[in-house]
Amino acid sequence: MRKTKGIIAAVIVTILLIGGALAFQQNHANQASEDVTATSQSVTSSSQAASATSQSRVNHKHQSSSATKKAHKTATKPRNSTSSTNDRPHSSKAQVKTQSSAATSTKKRRATKQSAVTASKTARKAKSTKAAVAEKKVYLVVSGYKKTFFKGNVVIHGSATAFSVLQASKLKVVYQNGASVYVSSINGLAQNDVKVGSGWKYKVNNKFIDKAANLKRVSAGDRVHWYFTTAGY
């Protein structure tokens, strides 16, 4: 009986020792875990502090750089403004000069064009005048006794007649005026000077006209022939 009690007591003591050892180990492990956690928190705090310090330095550097740039812009802006102000008059003068040159060139071109148009009109008018004069010319021949007094074109105006064409020759003409004009002498050669019955007659386009010369109308381009005849026709 005593031996059994001793065994039981030994078992109990062993269990207690084992429980104490386990409790000591658990306590030691908990303490080590707390130390690791504390160390980790400390490291994390140190990292956060370092990060904050770095961010603060970066922000300070950025702010300093921004301030420096602003100060540089502020310092250079008046210069640019002054330069722009100084350049504006030159630019305006150049623009005005260019516009003036363009306006002068345009005026010259217009003047040249106007001169060309005027010259063209003048040339056309001259041609028209020449054509009109050419259209109002009559070819006149005045033949005396064995002598020609006149041969060439004469200009007619308005309603021309065989008599007005003769007058246009500027020869000395003697005539009897009236409803029917009768020409008795041209350039000093008068009727009956060669023989009795001789005198002045005329033809238009090579046709003998038996009527007073002031009654025979002629047109531009006609041929009028005044001639002295001794045959009576």
Protein backbone atom coordinates (compact mmCIF):
# COMPACT_ATOMS: atom_id res chain seq x y z
CA MET A 1 0.00 0.00 0.00
CA ARG A 2 2.77 2.36 0.89
CA LYS A 3 4.52 1.43 -2.32
CA THR A 4 1.42 2.37 -4.38
CA LYS A 5 1.12 5.70 -2.67
CA GLY A 6 4.77 6.41 -3.42
CA ILE A 7 4.22 5.67 -7.08
CA ILE A 8 1.20 7.91 -7.24
CA ALA A 9 3.09 10.67 -5.49
CA ALA A 10 5.96 10.28 -7.92
CA VAL A 11 3.57 10.46 -10.87
CA ILE A 12 1.92 13.58 -9.51
CA VAL A 13 5.30 15.24 -8.92
CA THR A 14 6.33 14.34 -12.47
CA ILE A 15 3.11 15.77 -13.88
CA LEU A 16 3.59 18.97 -11.92
CA LEU A 17 7.15 19.30 -13.10
CA ILE A 18 6.09 18.72 -16.68
CA GLY A 19 3.22 21.25 -16.34
CA GLY A 20 5.57 23.80 -14.80
CA ALA A 21 8.09 23.28 -17.56
CA LEU A 22 5.36 23.68 -20.18
CA ALA A 23 4.06 26.81 -18.46
CA PHE A 24 7.58 28.28 -18.37
CA GLN A 25 8.13 27.54 -22.04
CA GLN A 26 4.73 29.08 -22.98
CA ASN A 27 5.51 32.19 -20.96
CA HIS A 28 8.93 32.48 -22.56
CA ALA A 29 7.43 32.06 -26.05
CA ASN A 30 4.79 34.74 -25.39
CA GLN A 31 7.45 37.14 -24.17
CA ALA A 32 9.57 36.51 -27.30
CA SER A 33 6.54 37.10 -29.53
CA GLU A 34 5.82 40.36 -27.75
CA ASP A 35 9.45 41.41 -28.20
CA VAL A 36 9.28 40.59 -31.95
CA THR A 37 6.00 42.50 -32.31
CA ALA A 38 7.43 45.49 -30.49
CA THR A 39 10.54 45.37 -32.62
CA SER A 40 8.42 45.16 -35.79
CA GLN A 41 6.28 48.09 -34.69
CA SER A 42 9.41 50.04 -33.90
CA VAL A 43 10.85 49.26 -37.32
CA THR A 44 7.55 50.22 -38.97
CA SER A 45 7.44 53.50 -37.04
CA SER A 46 11.03 54.20 -37.98
CA SER A 47 10.23 53.47 -41.65
CA GLN A 48 7.17 55.72 -41.54
CA ALA A 49 9.20 58.46 -39.90
CA ALA A 50 11.91 58.10 -42.54
CA SER A 51 9.30 58.12 -45.31
CA ALA A 52 7.67 61.22 -43.85
CA THR A 53 11.03 62.92 -43.59
CA SER A 54 11.86 62.00 -47.22
CA GLN A 55 8.42 63.19 -48.43
CA SER A 56 8.87 66.43 -46.50
CA ARG A 57 12.25 66.96 -48.16
CA VAL A 58 10.80 66.20 -51.59
CA ASN A 59 7.88 68.57 -51.00
CA HIS A 60 10.23 71.25 -49.76
CA LYS A 61 12.48 70.76 -52.79
CA HIS A 62 9.47 70.84 -55.16
CA GLN A 63 8.14 74.00 -53.51
CA SER A 64 11.59 75.58 -53.73
CA SER A 65 11.84 74.62 -57.43
CA SER A 66 8.35 76.00 -58.14
CA ALA A 67 9.17 79.20 -56.30
CA THR A 68 12.42 79.51 -58.25
CA LYS A 69 10.60 78.98 -61.59
CA LYS A 70 7.94 81.54 -60.69
CA ALA A 71 10.60 84.01 -59.68
CA HIS A 72 12.45 83.36 -62.97
CA LYS A 73 9.25 83.85 -64.99
CA THR A 74 8.46 87.00 -63.05
CA ALA A 75 11.96 88.29 -63.69
CA THR A 76 11.95 87.46 -67.42
CA LYS A 77 8.36 88.51 -68.18
CA PRO A 78 9.02 92.29 -68.22
CA ARG A 79 11.91 91.71 -70.60
CA ASN A 80 9.69 89.77 -72.98
CA SER A 81 7.01 92.43 -72.66
CA THR A 82 9.56 95.15 -73.33
CA SER A 83 10.96 93.22 -76.27
CA SER A 84 7.47 92.67 -77.63
CA THR A 85 6.68 96.34 -77.10
CA ASN A 86 9.86 97.33 -78.89
CA ASP A 87 9.19 94.92 -81.75
CA ARG A 88 5.62 96.06 -82.32
CA PRO A 89 6.47 99.44 -83.91
CA HIS A 90 8.91 97.76 -86.29
CA SER A 91 6.29 95.15 -87.17
CA SER A 92 3.63 97.85 -87.63
CA LYS A 93 5.96 99.96 -89.78
CA ALA A 94 6.86 96.93 -91.90
CA GLN A 95 3.17 96.06 -92.28
CA VAL A 96 2.28 99.64 -93.23
CA LYS A 97 5.19 99.75 -95.69
CA THR A 98 4.08 96.44 -97.22
CA GLN A 99 0.49 97.64 -97.51
CA SER A 100 1.68 100.91 -99.03
CA SER A 101 3.84 99.06 -101.55
CA ALA A 102 0.94 96.76 -102.42
CA ALA A 103 -1.39 99.76 -102.84
CA THR A 104 1.17 101.55 -105.04
CA SER A 105 1.66 98.42 -107.14
CA THR A 106 -2.11 98.05 -107.50
CA LYS A 107 -2.44 101.70 -108.55
CA LYS A 108 0.34 101.28 -111.10
CA ARG A 109 -1.29 98.17 -112.53
CA ARG A 110 -4.63 99.96 -112.70
CA ALA A 111 -3.01 102.98 -114.34
CA THR A 112 -1.21 100.73 -116.84
CA LYS A 113 -4.41 98.85 -117.57
CA GLN A 114 -6.33 102.10 -117.93
CA SER A 115 -3.66 103.46 -120.27
CA ALA A 116 -3.83 100.28 -122.34
CA VAL A 117 -7.64 100.53 -122.48
CA THR A 118 -7.44 104.22 -123.42
CA ALA A 119 -4.83 103.49 -126.10
CA SER A 120 -6.98 100.66 -127.44
CA LYS A 121 -10.05 102.91 -127.54
CA THR A 122 -8.05 105.65 -129.24
CA ALA A 123 -6.72 103.18 -131.81
CA ARG A 124 -10.21 101.83 -132.47
CA LYS A 125 -11.57 105.36 -132.75
CA ALA A 126 -8.79 106.30 -135.17
CA LYS A 127 -9.49 103.21 -137.24
CA SER A 128 -13.19 103.95 -137.14
CA THR A 129 -12.54 107.55 -138.18
CA LYS A 130 -10.29 106.43 -141.00
CA ALA A 131 -12.87 103.91 -142.07
CA ALA A 132 -15.56 106.57 -141.94
CA VAL A 133 -13.42 108.95 -143.95
CA ALA A 134 -12.60 106.20 -146.40
CA GLU A 135 -16.28 105.44 -146.76
CA LYS A 136 -17.01 109.11 -147.51
CA LYS A 137 -14.50 109.55 -150.29
CA VAL A 138 -15.31 109.97 -153.96
CA TYR A 139 -12.77 109.60 -156.74
CA LEU A 140 -12.79 112.72 -158.90
CA VAL A 141 -11.19 113.42 -162.27
CA VAL A 142 -11.33 116.85 -163.94
CA SER A 143 -10.10 116.78 -167.55
CA GLY A 144 -9.58 120.06 -169.44
CA TYR A 145 -8.79 120.45 -173.12
CA LYS A 146 -5.83 118.07 -173.59
CA LYS A 147 -4.94 118.56 -169.92
CA THR A 148 -5.98 117.04 -166.59
CA PHE A 149 -6.73 119.59 -163.88
CA PHE A 150 -7.39 117.17 -161.00
CA LYS A 151 -7.26 113.47 -160.22
CA GLY A 152 -7.72 111.94 -156.78
CA ASN A 153 -10.04 111.29 -153.84
CA VAL A 154 -12.11 114.02 -152.24
CA VAL A 155 -13.94 113.79 -148.93
CA ILE A 156 -17.68 114.29 -148.98
CA HIS A 157 -19.88 115.39 -146.09
CA GLY A 158 -23.57 114.77 -145.70
CA SER A 159 -25.58 114.69 -148.91
CA ALA A 160 -22.98 114.99 -151.67
CA THR A 161 -23.69 115.85 -155.28
CA ALA A 162 -21.61 115.91 -158.43
CA PHE A 163 -21.36 119.69 -158.01
CA SER A 164 -20.27 119.59 -154.31
CA VAL A 165 -17.63 117.02 -155.23
CA LEU A 166 -16.29 119.40 -157.90
CA GLN A 167 -16.18 122.22 -155.33
CA ALA A 168 -14.26 119.94 -152.93
CA SER A 169 -11.41 119.79 -155.45
CA LYS A 170 -10.57 123.46 -154.65
CA LEU A 171 -10.38 124.29 -158.34
CA LYS A 172 -11.65 127.68 -159.51
CA VAL A 173 -15.25 127.05 -160.58
CA VAL A 174 -17.55 129.59 -162.32
CA TYR A 175 -21.23 128.67 -162.37
CA GLN A 176 -24.70 130.09 -162.60
CA ASN A 177 -26.52 129.46 -159.37
CA GLY A 178 -30.21 128.62 -159.09
CA ALA A 179 -32.51 125.65 -158.81
CA SER A 180 -30.31 124.02 -161.43
CA VAL A 181 -26.62 124.90 -161.24
CA TYR A 182 -24.79 125.34 -164.55
CA VAL A 183 -20.96 125.18 -164.59
CA SER A 184 -19.50 127.48 -167.25
CA SER A 185 -15.78 127.50 -166.37
CA ILE A 186 -13.30 125.35 -164.43
CA ASN A 187 -9.79 126.44 -163.63
CA GLY A 188 -9.99 129.23 -166.25
CA LEU A 189 -11.24 127.05 -169.13
CA ALA A 190 -14.73 128.28 -170.10
CA GLN A 191 -17.37 127.18 -172.53
CA ASN A 192 -16.82 128.10 -176.21
CA ASP A 193 -13.11 128.73 -175.52
CA VAL A 194 -11.99 126.07 -177.98
CA LYS A 195 -14.92 126.42 -180.37
CA VAL A 196 -18.57 127.27 -180.37
CA GLY A 197 -20.58 124.67 -178.52
CA SER A 198 -17.71 123.43 -176.41
CA GLY A 199 -18.25 123.27 -172.66
CA TRP A 200 -18.24 121.23 -169.43
CA LYS A 201 -20.04 117.94 -168.87
CA TYR A 202 -19.79 115.23 -166.19
CA LYS A 203 -20.22 111.49 -165.72
CA VAL A 204 -20.87 109.36 -162.63
CA ASN A 205 -19.42 105.87 -162.65
CA ASN A 206 -18.64 106.33 -166.35
CA LYS A 207 -22.26 107.16 -167.20
CA PHE A 208 -23.28 110.45 -168.82
CA ILE A 209 -25.79 112.32 -166.64
CA ASP A 210 -28.21 114.67 -168.38
CA LYS A 211 -29.26 116.75 -165.37
CA ALA A 212 -27.93 119.62 -163.31
CA ALA A 213 -24.85 118.68 -161.24
CA ASN A 214 -26.40 119.95 -157.99
CA LEU A 215 -29.31 117.51 -158.44
CA LYS A 216 -27.21 114.38 -158.93
CA ARG A 217 -26.50 112.66 -155.63
CA VAL A 218 -23.31 110.68 -155.26
CA SER A 219 -22.21 108.17 -152.62
CA ALA A 220 -18.90 107.18 -151.13
CA GLY A 221 -16.91 105.09 -153.55
CA ASP A 222 -18.42 106.62 -156.67
CA ARG A 223 -16.26 107.89 -159.53
CA VAL A 224 -17.11 111.38 -160.81
CA HIS A 225 -15.56 112.64 -164.08
CA TRP A 226 -15.83 116.27 -165.14
CA TYR A 227 -14.55 116.81 -168.68
CA PHE A 228 -14.37 119.60 -171.26
CA THR A 229 -15.95 118.51 -174.57
CA THR A 230 -15.95 120.03 -178.00
CA ALA A 231 -18.45 117.51 -179.38
CA GLY A 232 -21.39 118.67 -177.31
CA TYR A 233 -21.71 115.47 -175.35
